[in-house]
């Protein structure tokens, strides 16, 4: 299940990163535009809000289904680690669903920004605990480091959405980088059994 979640988290972060690059470019053009001069066509990599919302909905749904399955197994087996898995997976799944709603409604995203701060603050101790329990396990070391990377990324989302810090291009670059390094590669390696849980 974790391999599937990570693969699609990689996909959604990648697509959202490209979308953010397009938003950053549009903002830069808007700021540089001269009054009375016609606007140039948008960048070819610009993805419309509703286009990227589809990926956010799908990944949020996949994460939610995995979380519910983990909760059910957790109850059946009285396994606290499965409750933790469900809670942590929902942090990200809910983020993607909220992004999709914002993309359809056009709201500012300030509330989502504050939720991203909560996710960032939760990710730091999750990383510490994961590394502390890794015992040299490749997957757990990678996952522990991922938690710290995700804390940075979700903190950038907080700065962009809730505070209005003008770092959209930086956030887009970090999003694409983390899509590949923290999620897509690890998910792919899990699904092809090159790394095991």
N, C-alpha and C. Protein backbone atom coordinates (compact mmCIF):
# COMPACT_ATOMS: atom_id res chain seq x y z
N UNK A 1 0.83 -1.21 0.00
CA UNK A 1 0.00 0.00 0.00
C UNK A 1 0.86 1.26 0.00
N UNK A 2 1.94 1.23 0.77
CA UNK A 2 2.78 2.42 0.89
C UNK A 2 3.43 2.76 -0.45
N UNK A 3 3.83 1.74 -1.21
CA UNK A 3 4.42 1.99 -2.52
C UNK A 3 3.46 2.71 -3.45
N UNK A 4 2.20 2.30 -3.43
CA UNK A 4 1.18 2.95 -4.26
C UNK A 4 0.98 4.40 -3.82
N UNK A 5 0.87 4.61 -2.50
CA UNK A 5 0.69 5.98 -1.99
C UNK A 5 1.86 6.86 -2.41
N UNK A 6 3.08 6.37 -2.21
CA UNK A 6 4.26 7.19 -2.54
C UNK A 6 4.35 7.47 -4.04
N UNK A 7 4.05 6.47 -4.86
CA UNK A 7 4.09 6.68 -6.32
C UNK A 7 3.15 7.81 -6.72
N UNK A 8 1.92 7.78 -6.20
CA UNK A 8 0.96 8.81 -6.58
C UNK A 8 1.22 10.15 -5.90
N UNK A 9 1.82 10.13 -4.72
CA UNK A 9 2.25 11.39 -4.11
C UNK A 9 3.33 12.02 -4.98
N UNK A 10 4.24 11.20 -5.49
CA UNK A 10 5.24 11.72 -6.42
C UNK A 10 4.60 12.33 -7.65
N UNK A 11 3.60 11.64 -8.20
CA UNK A 11 2.92 12.15 -9.39
C UNK A 11 2.20 13.47 -9.11
N UNK A 12 1.48 13.52 -7.99
CA UNK A 12 0.71 14.73 -7.70
C UNK A 12 1.63 15.90 -7.37
N UNK A 13 2.71 15.63 -6.64
CA UNK A 13 3.65 16.72 -6.36
C UNK A 13 4.31 17.22 -7.64
N UNK A 14 4.66 16.29 -8.54
CA UNK A 14 5.27 16.70 -9.80
C UNK A 14 4.34 17.60 -10.61
N UNK A 15 3.10 17.15 -10.76
CA UNK A 15 2.11 17.93 -11.52
C UNK A 15 1.85 19.27 -10.84
N UNK A 16 1.72 19.26 -9.50
CA UNK A 16 1.51 20.52 -8.79
C UNK A 16 2.71 21.44 -8.90
N UNK A 17 3.92 20.87 -8.92
CA UNK A 17 5.11 21.69 -9.10
C UNK A 17 5.12 22.39 -10.46
N UNK A 18 4.75 21.66 -11.51
CA UNK A 18 4.67 22.27 -12.85
C UNK A 18 3.59 23.36 -12.84
N UNK A 19 2.47 23.08 -12.21
CA UNK A 19 1.39 24.07 -12.10
C UNK A 19 1.90 25.32 -11.38
N UNK A 20 2.65 25.13 -10.28
CA UNK A 20 3.19 26.27 -9.53
C UNK A 20 4.19 27.07 -10.37
N UNK A 21 5.00 26.38 -11.18
CA UNK A 21 5.91 27.10 -12.08
C UNK A 21 5.12 27.99 -13.03
N UNK A 22 4.00 27.45 -13.53
CA UNK A 22 3.15 28.25 -14.42
C UNK A 22 2.56 29.46 -13.70
N UNK A 23 2.11 29.27 -12.46
CA UNK A 23 1.58 30.39 -11.68
C UNK A 23 2.66 31.43 -11.41
N UNK A 24 3.87 30.97 -11.09
CA UNK A 24 4.98 31.90 -10.84
C UNK A 24 5.29 32.71 -12.10
N UNK A 25 5.31 32.03 -13.22
CA UNK A 25 5.59 32.73 -14.48
C UNK A 25 4.49 33.74 -14.81
N UNK A 26 3.24 33.35 -14.57
CA UNK A 26 2.13 34.27 -14.81
C UNK A 26 2.23 35.49 -13.90
N UNK A 27 2.58 35.27 -12.63
CA UNK A 27 2.76 36.40 -11.70
C UNK A 27 3.88 37.32 -12.15
N UNK A 28 5.00 36.73 -12.57
CA UNK A 28 6.13 37.53 -13.03
C UNK A 28 5.77 38.35 -14.26
N UNK A 29 5.03 37.76 -15.18
CA UNK A 29 4.60 38.49 -16.38
C UNK A 29 3.65 39.62 -16.02
N UNK A 30 2.74 39.33 -15.08
CA UNK A 30 1.78 40.34 -14.65
C UNK A 30 2.49 41.53 -14.01
N UNK A 31 3.49 41.26 -13.20
CA UNK A 31 4.25 42.32 -12.54
C UNK A 31 5.08 43.13 -13.53
N UNK A 32 5.55 42.46 -14.60
CA UNK A 32 6.40 43.13 -15.57
C UNK A 32 5.61 43.77 -16.72
N UNK A 33 4.30 43.51 -16.77
CA UNK A 33 3.48 44.00 -17.89
C UNK A 33 3.39 45.52 -17.89
N UNK A 34 3.46 46.04 -19.08
CA UNK A 34 3.29 47.49 -19.26
C UNK A 34 1.82 47.77 -19.58
N UNK A 35 1.29 48.84 -19.02
CA UNK A 35 -0.10 49.18 -19.31
C UNK A 35 -0.30 49.40 -20.82
N UNK A 36 -1.36 48.85 -21.35
CA UNK A 36 -1.71 49.04 -22.75
C UNK A 36 -1.01 48.08 -23.70
N UNK A 37 -0.07 47.28 -23.21
CA UNK A 37 0.63 46.32 -24.07
C UNK A 37 -0.09 44.97 -23.94
N UNK A 38 -0.45 44.37 -25.08
CA UNK A 38 -1.16 43.09 -25.01
C UNK A 38 -0.31 42.01 -24.33
N UNK A 39 -0.99 41.17 -23.58
CA UNK A 39 -0.32 40.09 -22.86
C UNK A 39 0.08 38.98 -23.81
N UNK A 40 1.25 38.42 -23.60
CA UNK A 40 1.71 37.28 -24.41
C UNK A 40 0.98 36.01 -23.97
N UNK A 41 1.06 35.00 -24.79
CA UNK A 41 0.44 33.71 -24.47
C UNK A 41 1.11 33.11 -23.24
N UNK A 42 0.37 32.36 -22.44
CA UNK A 42 0.96 31.74 -21.25
C UNK A 42 2.04 30.72 -21.63
N UNK A 43 2.89 30.40 -20.68
CA UNK A 43 3.95 29.43 -20.90
C UNK A 43 3.36 28.08 -21.30
N UNK A 44 4.08 27.35 -22.14
CA UNK A 44 3.56 26.09 -22.65
C UNK A 44 3.39 25.05 -21.54
N UNK A 45 4.08 25.20 -20.42
CA UNK A 45 3.96 24.22 -19.35
C UNK A 45 2.90 24.60 -18.33
N UNK A 46 2.17 25.67 -18.59
CA UNK A 46 1.11 26.10 -17.68
C UNK A 46 -0.02 25.07 -17.69
N UNK A 47 -0.43 24.64 -16.51
CA UNK A 47 -1.53 23.70 -16.36
C UNK A 47 -2.68 24.45 -15.71
N UNK A 48 -3.85 24.31 -16.26
CA UNK A 48 -5.02 24.98 -15.71
C UNK A 48 -5.38 24.40 -14.34
N UNK A 49 -6.00 25.22 -13.51
CA UNK A 49 -6.38 24.79 -12.17
C UNK A 49 -7.19 23.50 -12.18
N UNK A 50 -8.20 23.43 -13.03
CA UNK A 50 -9.08 22.26 -13.03
C UNK A 50 -8.37 21.03 -13.58
N UNK A 51 -7.37 21.22 -14.46
CA UNK A 51 -6.59 20.08 -14.94
C UNK A 51 -5.82 19.42 -13.81
N UNK A 52 -5.13 20.22 -13.03
CA UNK A 52 -4.32 19.68 -11.94
C UNK A 52 -5.21 19.22 -10.78
N UNK A 53 -6.40 19.76 -10.67
CA UNK A 53 -7.32 19.35 -9.61
C UNK A 53 -7.68 17.87 -9.74
N UNK A 54 -7.75 17.37 -10.97
CA UNK A 54 -8.09 15.96 -11.19
C UNK A 54 -7.05 15.07 -10.50
N UNK A 55 -5.78 15.38 -10.67
CA UNK A 55 -4.71 14.59 -10.04
C UNK A 55 -4.76 14.73 -8.52
N UNK A 56 -5.07 15.93 -8.04
CA UNK A 56 -5.19 16.13 -6.59
C UNK A 56 -6.34 15.31 -6.01
N UNK A 57 -7.47 15.28 -6.70
CA UNK A 57 -8.62 14.49 -6.22
C UNK A 57 -8.27 13.01 -6.20
N UNK A 58 -7.68 12.53 -7.29
CA UNK A 58 -7.35 11.11 -7.38
C UNK A 58 -6.37 10.70 -6.28
N UNK A 59 -5.29 11.47 -6.12
CA UNK A 59 -4.28 11.12 -5.11
C UNK A 59 -4.85 11.27 -3.70
N UNK A 60 -5.64 12.30 -3.48
CA UNK A 60 -6.28 12.44 -2.17
C UNK A 60 -7.20 11.27 -1.88
N UNK A 61 -7.91 10.79 -2.91
CA UNK A 61 -8.80 9.63 -2.73
C UNK A 61 -8.00 8.36 -2.46
N UNK A 62 -6.92 8.15 -3.22
CA UNK A 62 -6.08 6.97 -3.00
C UNK A 62 -5.54 6.97 -1.57
N UNK A 63 -5.02 8.13 -1.14
CA UNK A 63 -4.50 8.24 0.23
C UNK A 63 -5.59 7.97 1.26
N UNK A 64 -6.79 8.48 1.02
CA UNK A 64 -7.89 8.29 1.96
C UNK A 64 -8.30 6.82 2.05
N UNK A 65 -8.35 6.14 0.91
CA UNK A 65 -8.70 4.71 0.91
C UNK A 65 -7.64 3.91 1.67
N UNK A 66 -6.37 4.20 1.41
CA UNK A 66 -5.29 3.50 2.12
C UNK A 66 -5.39 3.77 3.62
N UNK A 67 -5.69 4.99 4.00
CA UNK A 67 -5.81 5.33 5.41
C UNK A 67 -6.96 4.57 6.07
N UNK A 68 -8.09 4.47 5.39
CA UNK A 68 -9.24 3.73 5.93
C UNK A 68 -8.89 2.25 6.07
N UNK A 69 -8.22 1.68 5.07
CA UNK A 69 -7.80 0.28 5.15
C UNK A 69 -6.86 0.08 6.33
N UNK A 70 -5.91 1.00 6.50
CA UNK A 70 -4.98 0.91 7.63
C UNK A 70 -5.73 0.99 8.97
N UNK A 71 -6.73 1.87 9.04
CA UNK A 71 -7.52 1.97 10.27
C UNK A 71 -8.26 0.67 10.57
N UNK A 72 -8.86 0.09 9.53
CA UNK A 72 -9.60 -1.17 9.71
C UNK A 72 -8.66 -2.27 10.20
N UNK A 73 -7.52 -2.41 9.54
CA UNK A 73 -6.54 -3.41 9.98
C UNK A 73 -6.03 -3.09 11.38
N UNK A 74 -5.85 -1.82 11.67
CA UNK A 74 -5.40 -1.42 13.00
C UNK A 74 -6.37 -1.83 14.08
N UNK A 75 -7.67 -1.66 13.82
CA UNK A 75 -8.69 -2.06 14.79
C UNK A 75 -8.71 -3.57 14.93
N UNK A 76 -8.67 -4.28 13.79
CA UNK A 76 -8.72 -5.75 13.83
C UNK A 76 -7.53 -6.34 14.58
N UNK A 77 -6.36 -5.73 14.40
CA UNK A 77 -5.12 -6.29 14.98
C UNK A 77 -4.67 -5.55 16.23
N UNK A 78 -5.43 -4.53 16.63
CA UNK A 78 -5.05 -3.68 17.76
C UNK A 78 -3.60 -3.22 17.60
N UNK A 79 -3.31 -2.65 16.42
CA UNK A 79 -1.95 -2.26 16.04
C UNK A 79 -1.87 -0.74 15.93
N UNK A 80 -1.21 -0.12 16.90
CA UNK A 80 -1.08 1.33 16.95
C UNK A 80 -0.31 1.88 15.74
N UNK A 81 0.64 1.11 15.21
CA UNK A 81 1.42 1.58 14.06
C UNK A 81 0.53 1.79 12.84
N UNK A 82 -0.53 0.99 12.71
CA UNK A 82 -1.47 1.18 11.60
C UNK A 82 -2.33 2.42 11.79
N UNK A 83 -2.65 2.75 13.05
CA UNK A 83 -3.36 4.00 13.32
C UNK A 83 -2.47 5.19 12.93
N UNK A 84 -1.19 5.10 13.28
CA UNK A 84 -0.25 6.16 12.94
C UNK A 84 -0.13 6.31 11.42
N UNK A 85 -0.03 5.17 10.73
CA UNK A 85 0.04 5.20 9.27
C UNK A 85 -1.17 5.92 8.70
N UNK A 86 -2.35 5.57 9.18
CA UNK A 86 -3.58 6.20 8.69
C UNK A 86 -3.56 7.70 8.95
N UNK A 87 -3.17 8.10 10.14
CA UNK A 87 -3.14 9.53 10.47
C UNK A 87 -2.16 10.30 9.61
N UNK A 88 -0.98 9.74 9.42
CA UNK A 88 0.03 10.45 8.63
C UNK A 88 -0.33 10.51 7.15
N UNK A 89 -0.87 9.41 6.62
CA UNK A 89 -1.28 9.40 5.21
C UNK A 89 -2.40 10.42 4.98
N UNK A 90 -3.32 10.53 5.95
CA UNK A 90 -4.41 11.49 5.80
C UNK A 90 -3.94 12.94 5.83
N UNK A 91 -2.83 13.22 6.52
CA UNK A 91 -2.29 14.59 6.50
C UNK A 91 -2.07 15.04 5.07
N UNK A 92 -1.50 14.17 4.27
CA UNK A 92 -1.19 14.52 2.89
C UNK A 92 -2.41 14.36 1.99
N UNK A 93 -3.17 13.29 2.18
CA UNK A 93 -4.36 13.09 1.36
C UNK A 93 -5.34 14.24 1.49
N UNK A 94 -5.53 14.72 2.72
CA UNK A 94 -6.43 15.85 2.93
C UNK A 94 -5.89 17.11 2.27
N UNK A 95 -4.56 17.28 2.29
CA UNK A 95 -3.95 18.43 1.61
C UNK A 95 -4.34 18.44 0.14
N UNK A 96 -4.18 17.29 -0.53
CA UNK A 96 -4.47 17.23 -1.97
C UNK A 96 -5.94 17.48 -2.26
N UNK A 97 -6.82 16.95 -1.42
CA UNK A 97 -8.25 17.20 -1.62
C UNK A 97 -8.57 18.68 -1.41
N UNK A 98 -7.96 19.31 -0.43
CA UNK A 98 -8.19 20.73 -0.17
C UNK A 98 -7.66 21.58 -1.32
N UNK A 99 -6.49 21.22 -1.84
CA UNK A 99 -5.95 21.94 -3.01
C UNK A 99 -6.95 21.85 -4.17
N UNK A 100 -7.49 20.67 -4.40
CA UNK A 100 -8.45 20.49 -5.50
C UNK A 100 -9.68 21.36 -5.31
N UNK A 101 -10.21 21.40 -4.11
CA UNK A 101 -11.38 22.25 -3.83
C UNK A 101 -11.03 23.71 -4.11
N UNK A 102 -9.86 24.14 -3.65
CA UNK A 102 -9.43 25.53 -3.90
C UNK A 102 -9.28 25.80 -5.39
N UNK A 103 -8.79 24.81 -6.15
CA UNK A 103 -8.61 25.00 -7.58
C UNK A 103 -9.95 25.14 -8.30
N UNK A 104 -10.98 24.49 -7.81
CA UNK A 104 -12.30 24.62 -8.41
C UNK A 104 -13.01 25.90 -7.96
N UNK A 105 -12.79 26.29 -6.70
CA UNK A 105 -13.53 27.44 -6.17
C UNK A 105 -12.81 28.76 -6.35
N UNK A 106 -11.48 28.70 -6.52
CA UNK A 106 -10.71 29.93 -6.71
C UNK A 106 -10.46 30.71 -5.43
N UNK A 107 -10.61 30.08 -4.27
CA UNK A 107 -10.35 30.80 -3.02
C UNK A 107 -8.86 31.02 -2.84
N UNK A 108 -8.49 31.87 -1.88
CA UNK A 108 -7.09 32.26 -1.70
C UNK A 108 -6.21 31.14 -1.20
N UNK A 109 -6.72 30.23 -0.41
CA UNK A 109 -5.92 29.15 0.13
C UNK A 109 -5.28 29.45 1.46
N UNK A 110 -5.67 30.55 2.10
CA UNK A 110 -5.06 30.88 3.40
C UNK A 110 -5.32 29.80 4.46
N UNK A 111 -6.53 29.28 4.48
CA UNK A 111 -6.83 28.20 5.43
C UNK A 111 -5.98 26.98 5.15
N UNK A 112 -5.81 26.63 3.90
CA UNK A 112 -4.94 25.52 3.52
C UNK A 112 -3.51 25.81 3.96
N UNK A 113 -3.08 27.06 3.82
CA UNK A 113 -1.74 27.43 4.26
C UNK A 113 -1.51 27.15 5.73
N UNK A 114 -2.49 27.49 6.56
CA UNK A 114 -2.37 27.22 8.00
C UNK A 114 -2.38 25.72 8.28
N UNK A 115 -3.16 24.96 7.52
CA UNK A 115 -3.13 23.50 7.65
C UNK A 115 -1.75 22.97 7.27
N UNK A 116 -1.13 23.55 6.25
CA UNK A 116 0.21 23.14 5.83
C UNK A 116 1.23 23.38 6.94
N UNK A 117 1.05 24.44 7.72
CA UNK A 117 1.94 24.67 8.86
C UNK A 117 1.78 23.53 9.87
N UNK A 118 0.55 23.12 10.12
CA UNK A 118 0.29 21.99 11.02
C UNK A 118 0.99 20.73 10.51
N UNK A 119 0.90 20.47 9.20
CA UNK A 119 1.55 19.29 8.61
C UNK A 119 3.06 19.40 8.77
N UNK A 120 3.62 20.58 8.50
CA UNK A 120 5.07 20.78 8.62
C UNK A 120 5.54 20.52 10.05
N UNK A 121 4.80 21.04 11.01
CA UNK A 121 5.18 20.86 12.41
C UNK A 121 5.03 19.39 12.85
N UNK A 122 4.10 18.68 12.29
CA UNK A 122 3.91 17.27 12.60
C UNK A 122 5.00 16.41 11.95
N UNK A 123 5.45 16.82 10.77
CA UNK A 123 6.44 16.03 10.02
C UNK A 123 7.80 15.97 10.72
N UNK A 124 8.17 17.01 11.45
CA UNK A 124 9.48 17.02 12.10
C UNK A 124 9.61 15.90 13.14
N UNK A 125 8.71 15.81 14.13
CA UNK A 125 8.84 14.69 15.07
C UNK A 125 8.62 13.33 14.40
N UNK A 126 7.80 13.28 13.36
CA UNK A 126 7.61 12.01 12.63
C UNK A 126 8.94 11.57 12.02
N UNK A 127 9.70 12.51 11.49
CA UNK A 127 11.02 12.19 10.94
C UNK A 127 11.98 11.71 12.02
N UNK A 128 11.96 12.39 13.16
CA UNK A 128 12.85 12.02 14.27
C UNK A 128 12.52 10.60 14.75
N UNK A 129 11.25 10.32 14.95
CA UNK A 129 10.82 9.00 15.43
C UNK A 129 11.15 7.92 14.40
N UNK A 130 10.91 8.20 13.12
CA UNK A 130 11.19 7.22 12.07
C UNK A 130 12.67 6.89 12.01
N UNK A 131 13.52 7.91 12.06
CA UNK A 131 14.97 7.66 12.04
C UNK A 131 15.43 6.94 13.30
N UNK A 132 14.85 7.32 14.43
CA UNK A 132 15.21 6.68 15.70
C UNK A 132 14.87 5.19 15.70
N UNK A 133 13.81 4.82 14.99
CA UNK A 133 13.37 3.42 14.93
C UNK A 133 13.89 2.67 13.71
N UNK A 134 14.76 3.29 12.92
CA UNK A 134 15.15 2.69 11.64
C UNK A 134 16.08 1.48 11.77
N UNK A 135 16.92 1.44 12.76
CA UNK A 135 17.87 0.33 12.95
C UNK A 135 18.61 -0.04 11.66
N UNK A 136 18.99 0.98 10.88
CA UNK A 136 19.74 0.73 9.66
C UNK A 136 18.92 0.29 8.47
N UNK A 137 17.60 0.21 8.60
CA UNK A 137 16.73 -0.20 7.51
C UNK A 137 16.68 0.90 6.45
N UNK A 138 17.00 0.55 5.21
CA UNK A 138 17.08 1.53 4.11
C UNK A 138 15.78 2.28 3.93
N UNK A 139 14.67 1.55 3.90
CA UNK A 139 13.36 2.21 3.71
C UNK A 139 13.08 3.21 4.82
N UNK A 140 13.29 2.82 6.07
CA UNK A 140 12.97 3.71 7.19
C UNK A 140 13.91 4.91 7.25
N UNK A 141 15.16 4.72 6.89
CA UNK A 141 16.08 5.88 6.83
C UNK A 141 15.61 6.86 5.77
N UNK A 142 15.30 6.34 4.58
CA UNK A 142 14.82 7.17 3.49
C UNK A 142 13.53 7.88 3.90
N UNK A 143 12.61 7.14 4.50
CA UNK A 143 11.34 7.72 4.93
C UNK A 143 11.55 8.77 6.01
N UNK A 144 12.45 8.52 6.95
CA UNK A 144 12.74 9.51 7.99
C UNK A 144 13.26 10.80 7.40
N UNK A 145 14.17 10.69 6.43
CA UNK A 145 14.69 11.90 5.76
C UNK A 145 13.59 12.58 4.94
N UNK A 146 12.71 11.76 4.35
CA UNK A 146 11.57 12.32 3.60
C UNK A 146 10.70 13.19 4.50
N UNK A 147 10.47 12.75 5.74
CA UNK A 147 9.64 13.54 6.65
C UNK A 147 10.21 14.94 6.82
N UNK A 148 11.54 15.05 6.94
CA UNK A 148 12.15 16.37 7.08
C UNK A 148 11.99 17.19 5.81
N UNK A 149 12.16 16.52 4.65
CA UNK A 149 11.97 17.21 3.37
C UNK A 149 10.53 17.70 3.23
N UNK A 150 9.58 16.85 3.62
CA UNK A 150 8.17 17.24 3.53
C UNK A 150 7.86 18.38 4.50
N UNK A 151 8.51 18.39 5.65
CA UNK A 151 8.32 19.50 6.60
C UNK A 151 8.74 20.81 5.96
N UNK A 152 9.85 20.79 5.25
CA UNK A 152 10.33 22.01 4.56
C UNK A 152 9.32 22.42 3.49
N UNK A 153 8.89 21.45 2.67
CA UNK A 153 7.97 21.77 1.57
C UNK A 153 6.64 22.31 2.08
N UNK A 154 6.07 21.64 3.08
CA UNK A 154 4.77 22.11 3.59
C UNK A 154 4.92 23.46 4.31
N UNK A 155 6.11 23.73 4.87
CA UNK A 155 6.36 25.05 5.44
C UNK A 155 6.42 26.10 4.34
N UNK A 156 7.00 25.76 3.20
CA UNK A 156 6.99 26.69 2.06
C UNK A 156 5.56 26.95 1.60
N UNK A 157 4.74 25.90 1.56
CA UNK A 157 3.32 26.09 1.20
C UNK A 157 2.65 27.05 2.19
N UNK A 158 2.94 26.90 3.47
CA UNK A 158 2.42 27.81 4.48
C UNK A 158 2.84 29.25 4.18
N UNK A 159 4.13 29.44 3.89
CA UNK A 159 4.63 30.79 3.62
C UNK A 159 3.96 31.41 2.40
N UNK A 160 3.76 30.61 1.36
CA UNK A 160 3.14 31.12 0.13
C UNK A 160 1.65 31.41 0.35
N UNK A 161 0.94 30.47 0.95
CA UNK A 161 -0.52 30.57 1.03
C UNK A 161 -1.01 31.44 2.19
N UNK A 162 -0.48 31.22 3.38
CA UNK A 162 -1.00 31.93 4.56
C UNK A 162 -0.34 33.27 4.77
N UNK A 163 0.96 33.35 4.50
CA UNK A 163 1.70 34.58 4.76
C UNK A 163 1.80 35.46 3.52
N UNK A 164 1.78 34.84 2.35
CA UNK A 164 1.89 35.61 1.10
C UNK A 164 3.32 35.93 0.72
N UNK A 165 4.27 35.14 1.21
CA UNK A 165 5.68 35.34 0.88
C UNK A 165 5.89 35.07 -0.61
N UNK A 166 6.56 35.96 -1.32
CA UNK A 166 6.71 35.80 -2.78
C UNK A 166 7.83 34.82 -3.16
N UNK A 167 7.61 33.55 -2.86
CA UNK A 167 8.61 32.52 -3.16
C UNK A 167 7.98 31.38 -3.97
N UNK A 168 7.10 31.75 -4.88
CA UNK A 168 6.36 30.74 -5.64
C UNK A 168 7.29 29.91 -6.53
N UNK A 169 8.24 30.56 -7.20
CA UNK A 169 9.15 29.82 -8.08
C UNK A 169 10.03 28.86 -7.27
N UNK A 170 10.54 29.30 -6.13
CA UNK A 170 11.33 28.43 -5.25
C UNK A 170 10.48 27.25 -4.79
N UNK A 171 9.26 27.53 -4.37
CA UNK A 171 8.36 26.47 -3.90
C UNK A 171 8.07 25.48 -5.02
N UNK A 172 7.89 25.97 -6.24
CA UNK A 172 7.66 25.09 -7.38
C UNK A 172 8.86 24.17 -7.60
N UNK A 173 10.06 24.71 -7.54
CA UNK A 173 11.26 23.91 -7.74
C UNK A 173 11.43 22.85 -6.66
N UNK A 174 11.21 23.24 -5.42
CA UNK A 174 11.31 22.28 -4.31
C UNK A 174 10.24 21.20 -4.46
N UNK A 175 9.05 21.58 -4.89
CA UNK A 175 7.95 20.62 -5.08
C UNK A 175 8.33 19.57 -6.12
N UNK A 176 8.84 20.00 -7.26
CA UNK A 176 9.22 19.04 -8.32
C UNK A 176 10.37 18.15 -7.83
N UNK A 177 11.37 18.76 -7.19
CA UNK A 177 12.50 18.00 -6.68
C UNK A 177 12.03 16.93 -5.68
N UNK A 178 11.22 17.34 -4.73
CA UNK A 178 10.75 16.39 -3.73
C UNK A 178 9.80 15.34 -4.31
N UNK A 179 9.06 15.70 -5.35
CA UNK A 179 8.20 14.72 -6.01
C UNK A 179 9.04 13.54 -6.47
N UNK A 180 10.18 13.85 -7.05
CA UNK A 180 11.04 12.80 -7.60
C UNK A 180 11.79 12.07 -6.50
N UNK A 181 12.44 12.81 -5.61
CA UNK A 181 13.37 12.23 -4.64
C UNK A 181 12.68 11.57 -3.45
N UNK A 182 11.61 12.19 -2.94
CA UNK A 182 11.00 11.65 -1.72
C UNK A 182 9.88 10.66 -1.99
N UNK A 183 9.28 10.72 -3.16
CA UNK A 183 8.07 9.92 -3.36
C UNK A 183 8.14 9.00 -4.57
N UNK A 184 8.35 9.59 -5.75
CA UNK A 184 8.28 8.77 -6.97
C UNK A 184 9.32 7.66 -6.96
N UNK A 185 10.59 7.99 -6.70
CA UNK A 185 11.64 6.97 -6.73
C UNK A 185 11.39 5.92 -5.65
N UNK A 186 11.10 6.36 -4.43
CA UNK A 186 10.89 5.42 -3.34
C UNK A 186 9.67 4.53 -3.60
N UNK A 187 8.58 5.13 -4.07
CA UNK A 187 7.39 4.34 -4.40
C UNK A 187 7.67 3.32 -5.50
N UNK A 188 8.40 3.75 -6.52
CA UNK A 188 8.76 2.85 -7.62
C UNK A 188 9.63 1.70 -7.12
N UNK A 189 10.61 2.01 -6.27
CA UNK A 189 11.49 0.96 -5.73
C UNK A 189 10.72 -0.02 -4.85
N UNK A 190 9.75 0.47 -4.10
CA UNK A 190 8.92 -0.42 -3.29
C UNK A 190 8.05 -1.32 -4.18
N UNK A 191 7.43 -0.74 -5.20
CA UNK A 191 6.54 -1.51 -6.06
C UNK A 191 7.29 -2.54 -6.90
N UNK A 192 8.57 -2.27 -7.23
CA UNK A 192 9.37 -3.22 -8.00
C UNK A 192 10.22 -4.11 -7.10
N UNK A 193 9.99 -4.00 -5.79
CA UNK A 193 10.65 -4.82 -4.77
C UNK A 193 12.17 -4.67 -4.75
N UNK A 194 12.67 -3.49 -5.13
CA UNK A 194 14.09 -3.19 -5.01
C UNK A 194 14.43 -2.76 -3.59
N UNK A 195 13.41 -2.24 -2.88
CA UNK A 195 13.50 -1.93 -1.45
C UNK A 195 12.28 -2.56 -0.81
N UNK A 196 12.45 -3.09 0.38
CA UNK A 196 11.31 -3.70 1.05
C UNK A 196 11.02 -2.97 2.36
N UNK A 197 9.80 -3.12 2.82
CA UNK A 197 9.38 -2.53 4.09
C UNK A 197 9.92 -3.33 5.25
